[in-house]
């Protein structure tokens, strides 16, 4: 079993971040010290009192990530969202959803566009558009040409592509849960401090399948909003009190597709470490936010494992 440690300390989302910090505990007199976001003390205090010690991860289950490519003016998207939610509820702790407001072109389309006064909220972001384009127009022959569409752990479920239509989400999810091809384990500890908007996330990754190449694996951390009430178009009406769920708001470290688990980043102790410093934007309520952490294969795009952590 190969073991890596991915440590993410978030304290300024949306700003520039450090790709690698040589000293894992920067001196507290450094004006850029991330521990100004730790209200109870300095780095030494955090290390002695908060820094987690991971025990052996005994999980034997593979979790599933459903990515829902959607839009608030897509009349058939609510049915797809309901199907994804039902799968999540039917498989607690095993199925998670990321709702990405995007089309296949990598730019604003009719289903996502803002139309005042009703559709006034912009659910889109550049990273969501990039994901849509990657699996849409940029992927030769991709069946993703319009909403609703999505993926079930970006696995090829028989159509030759890592994406599939919403009508296949249930059967594909059920098949993955039943097969339970367990290849990667993830566990995490999160520490959020409302007084500073500082979020420290520690994540351990175990590559269970020795046949996987760590050079091909990426660790991805995405920020999602739990829910937001806003209008949604239906075939014959508009629901002004529609609950949008699991809204993709971007990647925490600026790496939409993650960072490589490669030998160049392994520490002498055999760990894989990153520090990135962010602050949760003021427009978000931390109690209504969570992150999903997943490991993807950069060659096949398949997502081997995913977990969810609330702030």
Protein backbone atom coordinates (compact mmCIF):
# COMPACT_ATOMS: atom_id res chain seq x y z
CA UNK A 1 0.00 0.00 0.00
CA UNK A 2 1.32 3.42 -0.94
CA UNK A 3 0.56 6.20 1.50
CA UNK A 4 0.53 9.95 0.85
CA UNK A 5 -0.44 12.87 3.01
CA UNK A 6 -2.19 15.85 1.46
CA UNK A 7 -2.43 18.78 3.87
CA UNK A 8 -4.44 21.81 2.84
CA UNK A 9 -4.58 24.90 5.04
CA UNK A 10 -7.09 27.35 3.66
CA UNK A 11 -7.21 30.99 4.60
CA UNK A 12 -7.79 33.22 1.55
CA UNK A 13 -10.00 31.67 -1.10
CA UNK A 14 -9.74 33.46 -4.41
CA UNK A 15 -6.30 34.96 -3.73
CA UNK A 16 -2.82 33.86 -4.71
CA UNK A 17 -1.52 30.84 -2.84
CA UNK A 18 1.75 29.09 -2.10
CA UNK A 19 2.34 26.00 -4.20
CA UNK A 20 4.76 24.50 -1.69
CA UNK A 21 6.01 25.52 1.73
CA UNK A 22 9.34 24.05 2.76
CA UNK A 23 8.77 24.63 6.48
CA UNK A 24 5.45 23.09 7.49
CA UNK A 25 5.13 25.47 10.43
CA UNK A 26 6.02 29.01 9.26
CA UNK A 27 7.34 31.34 11.97
CA UNK A 28 4.58 33.35 13.60
CA UNK A 29 6.38 36.68 13.04
CA UNK A 30 6.08 36.20 9.29
CA UNK A 31 3.43 38.71 8.04
CA UNK A 32 2.17 36.02 5.66
CA UNK A 33 1.94 33.43 8.43
CA UNK A 34 -1.19 31.37 7.93
CA UNK A 35 -1.56 30.99 11.68
CA UNK A 36 -2.96 34.49 11.98
CA UNK A 37 -6.09 32.58 10.91
CA UNK A 38 -5.72 30.32 13.92
CA UNK A 39 -7.22 32.40 16.75
CA UNK A 40 -5.97 30.23 19.63
CA UNK A 41 -2.26 30.74 19.12
CA UNK A 42 0.68 30.22 16.81
CA UNK A 43 1.96 27.35 14.70
CA UNK A 44 3.51 25.55 17.64
CA UNK A 45 0.23 25.68 19.56
CA UNK A 46 -1.67 24.41 16.52
CA UNK A 47 0.82 21.59 16.02
CA UNK A 48 0.67 20.55 19.67
CA UNK A 49 -3.07 20.86 20.18
CA UNK A 50 -4.88 20.63 16.85
CA UNK A 51 -2.73 18.88 14.27
CA UNK A 52 -4.35 15.48 13.67
CA UNK A 53 -2.74 12.08 13.84
CA UNK A 54 -4.40 9.80 11.34
CA UNK A 55 -5.09 6.23 12.34
CA UNK A 56 -5.22 3.37 9.86
CA UNK A 57 -8.03 3.88 7.36
CA UNK A 58 -10.06 0.69 7.48
CA UNK A 59 -12.66 1.79 4.96
CA UNK A 60 -13.36 -0.87 2.33
CA UNK A 61 -15.99 0.96 0.29
CA UNK A 62 -15.74 2.98 -2.90
CA UNK A 63 -17.85 6.14 -2.87
CA UNK A 64 -19.46 7.70 -5.93
CA UNK A 65 -19.51 11.31 -7.16
CA UNK A 66 -22.36 12.42 -9.40
CA UNK A 67 -21.55 15.60 -11.33
CA UNK A 68 -24.73 17.31 -12.49
CA UNK A 69 -24.15 19.72 -15.40
CA UNK A 70 -27.13 22.01 -15.11
CA UNK A 71 -28.64 25.47 -15.52
CA UNK A 72 -31.35 27.50 -13.80
CA UNK A 73 -33.12 28.02 -17.15
CA UNK A 74 -32.89 24.37 -18.20
CA UNK A 75 -36.44 23.03 -18.05
CA UNK A 76 -35.47 19.36 -17.80
CA UNK A 77 -32.70 19.89 -15.23
CA UNK A 78 -34.89 19.73 -12.09
CA UNK A 79 -35.76 16.11 -12.85
CA UNK A 80 -32.06 15.27 -13.16
CA UNK A 81 -31.30 17.06 -9.89
CA UNK A 82 -34.09 15.13 -8.16
CA UNK A 83 -32.63 11.85 -9.42
CA UNK A 84 -29.17 12.77 -8.11
CA UNK A 85 -30.59 13.78 -4.72
CA UNK A 86 -32.53 10.53 -4.49
CA UNK A 87 -29.37 8.52 -5.14
CA UNK A 88 -27.54 10.48 -2.45
CA UNK A 89 -30.34 9.87 0.04
CA UNK A 90 -30.60 6.19 -0.86
CA UNK A 91 -26.86 5.71 -0.34
CA UNK A 92 -25.90 7.86 2.69
CA UNK A 93 -22.16 8.39 2.96
CA UNK A 94 -21.53 6.57 -0.31
CA UNK A 95 -22.91 8.93 -2.96
CA UNK A 96 -22.20 12.67 -3.22
CA UNK A 97 -23.33 15.30 -5.72
CA UNK A 98 -21.60 18.29 -7.28
CA UNK A 99 -23.97 20.56 -9.18
CA UNK A 100 -22.03 22.48 -11.82
CA UNK A 101 -23.84 25.23 -13.71
CA UNK A 102 -22.22 24.83 -17.09
CA UNK A 103 -22.79 23.82 -20.67
CA UNK A 104 -20.49 22.09 -23.12
CA UNK A 105 -19.02 25.20 -24.75
CA UNK A 106 -17.02 26.64 -21.86
CA UNK A 107 -18.97 29.88 -21.84
CA UNK A 108 -22.32 31.25 -20.75
CA UNK A 109 -25.17 29.50 -22.55
CA UNK A 110 -28.91 30.07 -22.55
CA UNK A 111 -29.54 27.58 -19.75
CA UNK A 112 -27.12 29.34 -17.37
CA UNK A 113 -27.57 32.96 -18.42
CA UNK A 114 -28.86 35.76 -16.21
CA UNK A 115 -32.22 37.12 -17.32
CA UNK A 116 -33.58 39.92 -15.17
CA UNK A 117 -35.61 40.18 -13.11
CA UNK A 118 -36.34 36.48 -12.49
CA UNK A 119 -33.04 34.71 -13.11
CA UNK A 120 -30.79 37.23 -11.41
CA UNK A 121 -28.29 34.94 -9.66
CA UNK A 122 -25.12 33.92 -11.45
CA UNK A 123 -24.40 30.32 -10.47
CA UNK A 124 -21.51 30.01 -12.91
CA UNK A 125 -17.76 30.37 -12.51
CA UNK A 126 -14.74 30.00 -14.74
CA UNK A 127 -13.75 26.64 -13.30
CA UNK A 128 -17.21 25.22 -13.87
CA UNK A 129 -17.11 26.41 -17.48
CA UNK A 130 -13.69 24.77 -17.88
CA UNK A 131 -15.02 21.45 -16.63
CA UNK A 132 -18.00 21.66 -18.95
CA UNK A 133 -15.82 22.40 -21.96
CA UNK A 134 -13.34 19.65 -21.08
CA UNK A 135 -16.04 17.00 -21.17
CA UNK A 136 -18.08 18.69 -23.88
CA UNK A 137 -16.67 20.44 -26.93
CA UNK A 138 -13.03 19.59 -26.11
CA UNK A 139 -13.62 15.84 -25.82
CA UNK A 140 -13.73 14.25 -29.30
CA UNK A 141 -17.14 12.76 -29.97
CA UNK A 142 -18.48 13.64 -26.53
CA UNK A 143 -22.22 13.04 -26.13
CA UNK A 144 -22.36 16.03 -23.77
CA UNK A 145 -23.77 18.76 -25.98
CA UNK A 146 -26.48 20.22 -23.73
CA UNK A 147 -28.10 20.07 -20.30
CA UNK A 148 -28.95 18.07 -18.33
CA UNK A 149 -25.91 15.80 -18.51
CA UNK A 150 -23.18 14.73 -16.12
CA UNK A 151 -20.95 11.96 -14.86
CA UNK A 152 -20.97 9.12 -12.36
CA UNK A 153 -17.41 9.23 -11.00
CA UNK A 154 -16.33 10.05 -14.58
CA UNK A 155 -16.23 6.33 -15.27
CA UNK A 156 -16.94 4.89 -18.70
CA UNK A 157 -20.19 3.06 -18.04
CA UNK A 158 -20.34 1.51 -21.48
CA UNK A 159 -20.88 4.45 -23.84
CA UNK A 160 -17.18 5.05 -24.42
CA UNK A 161 -17.03 8.37 -22.53
CA UNK A 162 -16.57 9.57 -18.93
CA UNK A 163 -19.93 11.40 -19.12
CA UNK A 164 -23.49 10.20 -19.67
CA UNK A 165 -27.05 11.42 -19.78
CA UNK A 166 -29.07 11.87 -16.61
CA UNK A 167 -31.30 8.92 -17.44
CA UNK A 168 -28.36 6.59 -16.87
CA UNK A 169 -27.22 7.97 -13.52
CA UNK A 170 -29.29 5.59 -11.39
CA UNK A 171 -28.27 2.35 -13.12
CA UNK A 172 -24.63 3.43 -13.33
CA UNK A 173 -24.51 4.44 -9.66
CA UNK A 174 -26.17 1.22 -8.56
CA UNK A 175 -23.67 -0.78 -10.61
CA UNK A 176 -20.69 1.03 -9.06
CA UNK A 177 -22.00 0.57 -5.53
CA UNK A 178 -22.54 -3.14 -6.20
CA UNK A 179 -19.12 -3.67 -7.83
CA UNK A 180 -17.36 -1.70 -5.07
CA UNK A 181 -14.00 -1.54 -6.86
CA UNK A 182 -12.01 -0.14 -3.95
CA UNK A 183 -8.76 1.49 -5.16
CA UNK A 184 -8.11 4.60 -3.05
CA UNK A 185 -8.91 5.68 0.50
CA UNK A 186 -9.29 9.25 1.74
CA UNK A 187 -9.80 10.58 5.24
CA UNK A 188 -9.76 14.18 6.39
CA UNK A 189 -9.93 16.45 9.43
CA UNK A 190 -11.20 19.99 8.99
CA UNK A 191 -10.83 23.00 11.29
CA UNK A 192 -12.73 26.18 10.54
CA UNK A 193 -12.49 29.38 12.64
CA UNK A 194 -15.47 31.72 12.10
CA UNK A 195 -13.71 34.68 13.76
CA UNK A 196 -11.02 34.69 11.06
CA UNK A 197 -12.77 32.80 8.21
CA UNK A 198 -9.75 30.51 8.25
CA UNK A 199 -10.21 26.90 7.22
CA UNK A 200 -7.55 24.21 7.80
CA UNK A 201 -8.12 20.91 6.08
CA UNK A 202 -5.87 17.88 6.63
CA UNK A 203 -6.33 14.97 4.26
CA UNK A 204 -4.70 11.56 4.13
CA UNK A 205 -4.68 9.51 0.95
CA UNK A 206 -3.99 5.77 0.79
CA UNK A 207 -3.54 4.20 -2.65
CA UNK A 208 -4.98 0.75 -2.02
CA UNK A 209 -4.58 -0.58 -5.56
CA UNK A 210 -0.88 -1.22 -6.19
CA UNK A 211 -1.58 -1.24 -9.92
CA UNK A 212 -2.29 2.48 -9.97
CA UNK A 213 0.50 4.88 -10.89
CA UNK A 214 0.74 7.78 -8.46
CA UNK A 215 2.04 9.93 -11.33
CA UNK A 216 -1.42 9.71 -12.91
CA UNK A 217 -3.39 10.47 -9.75
CA UNK A 218 -4.62 13.92 -8.76
CA UNK A 219 -6.04 15.12 -5.45
CA UNK A 220 -8.88 17.60 -5.98
CA UNK A 221 -10.63 19.81 -3.41
CA UNK A 222 -13.78 21.67 -4.48
CA UNK A 223 -15.89 24.13 -2.49
CA UNK A 224 -19.66 23.62 -2.63
CA UNK A 225 -22.61 25.55 -1.22
CA UNK A 226 -25.11 23.27 0.51
CA UNK A 227 -28.26 24.97 -0.72
CA UNK A 228 -29.71 28.21 -2.03
CA UNK A 229 -33.34 29.13 -2.76
CA UNK A 230 -33.69 30.80 -6.16
CA UNK A 231 -35.90 30.54 -9.27
CA UNK A 232 -35.67 27.49 -11.53
CA UNK A 233 -37.38 27.09 -14.87
CA UNK A 234 -39.63 24.09 -15.50
CA UNK A 235 -41.27 22.95 -18.76
CA UNK A 236 -44.45 24.94 -18.18
CA UNK A 237 -43.63 27.19 -15.22
CA UNK A 238 -41.00 28.70 -12.94
CA UNK A 239 -40.49 27.62 -9.34
CA UNK A 240 -39.51 30.77 -7.45
CA UNK A 241 -38.73 28.79 -4.28
CA UNK A 242 -36.62 26.08 -5.85
CA UNK A 243 -33.84 24.68 -3.65
CA UNK A 244 -30.57 24.52 -5.58
CA UNK A 245 -28.27 22.02 -3.86
CA UNK A 246 -24.55 21.18 -3.75
CA UNK A 247 -23.61 24.19 -5.87
CA UNK A 248 -20.04 24.08 -7.20
CA UNK A 249 -18.29 27.35 -6.23
CA UNK A 250 -14.74 26.58 -7.34
CA UNK A 251 -11.57 24.77 -6.33
CA UNK A 252 -9.92 25.84 -3.11
CA UNK A 253 -6.36 25.81 -4.35
CA UNK A 254 -6.91 27.13 -7.88
CA UNK A 255 -6.23 23.69 -9.36
CA UNK A 256 -9.53 22.68 -10.95
CA UNK A 257 -8.22 19.25 -11.86
CA UNK A 258 -6.04 18.76 -8.79
CA UNK A 259 -2.40 18.19 -7.97
CA UNK A 260 -0.29 15.18 -8.80
CA UNK A 261 0.67 12.53 -6.29
CA UNK A 262 4.14 12.13 -7.73
CA UNK A 263 7.53 11.21 -6.34
CA UNK A 264 8.81 14.78 -6.70
CA UNK A 265 6.47 15.85 -3.90
CA UNK A 266 7.03 12.96 -1.52
CA UNK A 267 8.72 13.87 1.76
CA UNK A 268 11.51 11.71 3.23
CA UNK A 269 8.89 10.26 5.56
CA UNK A 270 6.89 9.10 2.56
CA UNK A 271 4.20 11.77 2.84
CA UNK A 272 2.78 14.08 0.21
CA UNK A 273 2.19 17.58 1.56
CA UNK A 274 0.80 20.93 0.42
CA UNK A 275 -0.05 24.14 2.23
CA UNK A 276 -2.41 26.61 0.55
CA UNK A 277 -3.67 29.71 2.31
CA UNK A 278 -7.21 31.01 1.79
CA UNK A 279 -9.97 32.91 3.49
CA UNK A 280 -13.60 31.98 2.91
CA UNK A 281 -15.23 34.82 0.93
CA UNK A 282 -17.57 37.02 2.93
CA UNK A 283 -20.55 36.25 0.67
CA UNK A 284 -20.68 32.66 1.91
CA UNK A 285 -22.15 31.40 5.17
CA UNK A 286 -19.67 28.84 6.46
CA UNK A 287 -22.48 26.82 8.04
CA UNK A 288 -23.91 26.32 4.53
CA UNK A 289 -20.66 25.21 2.89
CA UNK A 290 -18.72 21.99 2.44
CA UNK A 291 -15.85 20.58 0.44
CA UNK A 292 -15.61 17.42 -1.59
CA UNK A 293 -12.21 15.78 -1.78
CA UNK A 294 -11.58 13.27 -4.53
CA UNK A 295 -8.82 11.43 -6.34
CA UNK A 296 -9.02 11.30 -10.14
CA UNK A 297 -7.01 9.51 -12.80
CA UNK A 298 -5.58 12.12 -15.16
CA UNK A 299 -5.42 9.58 -18.00
CA UNK A 300 -8.91 8.06 -17.87
CA UNK A 301 -10.56 10.85 -15.80
CA UNK A 302 -12.13 8.23 -13.56
CA UNK A 303 -12.69 9.33 -9.96
CA UNK A 304 -11.57 6.51 -7.67
CA UNK A 305 -12.73 7.92 -4.35
CA UNK A 306 -14.57 10.91 -2.91
CA UNK A 307 -15.45 12.15 0.57
CA UNK A 308 -17.31 15.17 1.90
CA UNK A 309 -16.37 17.48 4.77
CA UNK A 310 -18.39 20.37 6.18
CA UNK A 311 -16.59 23.56 7.19
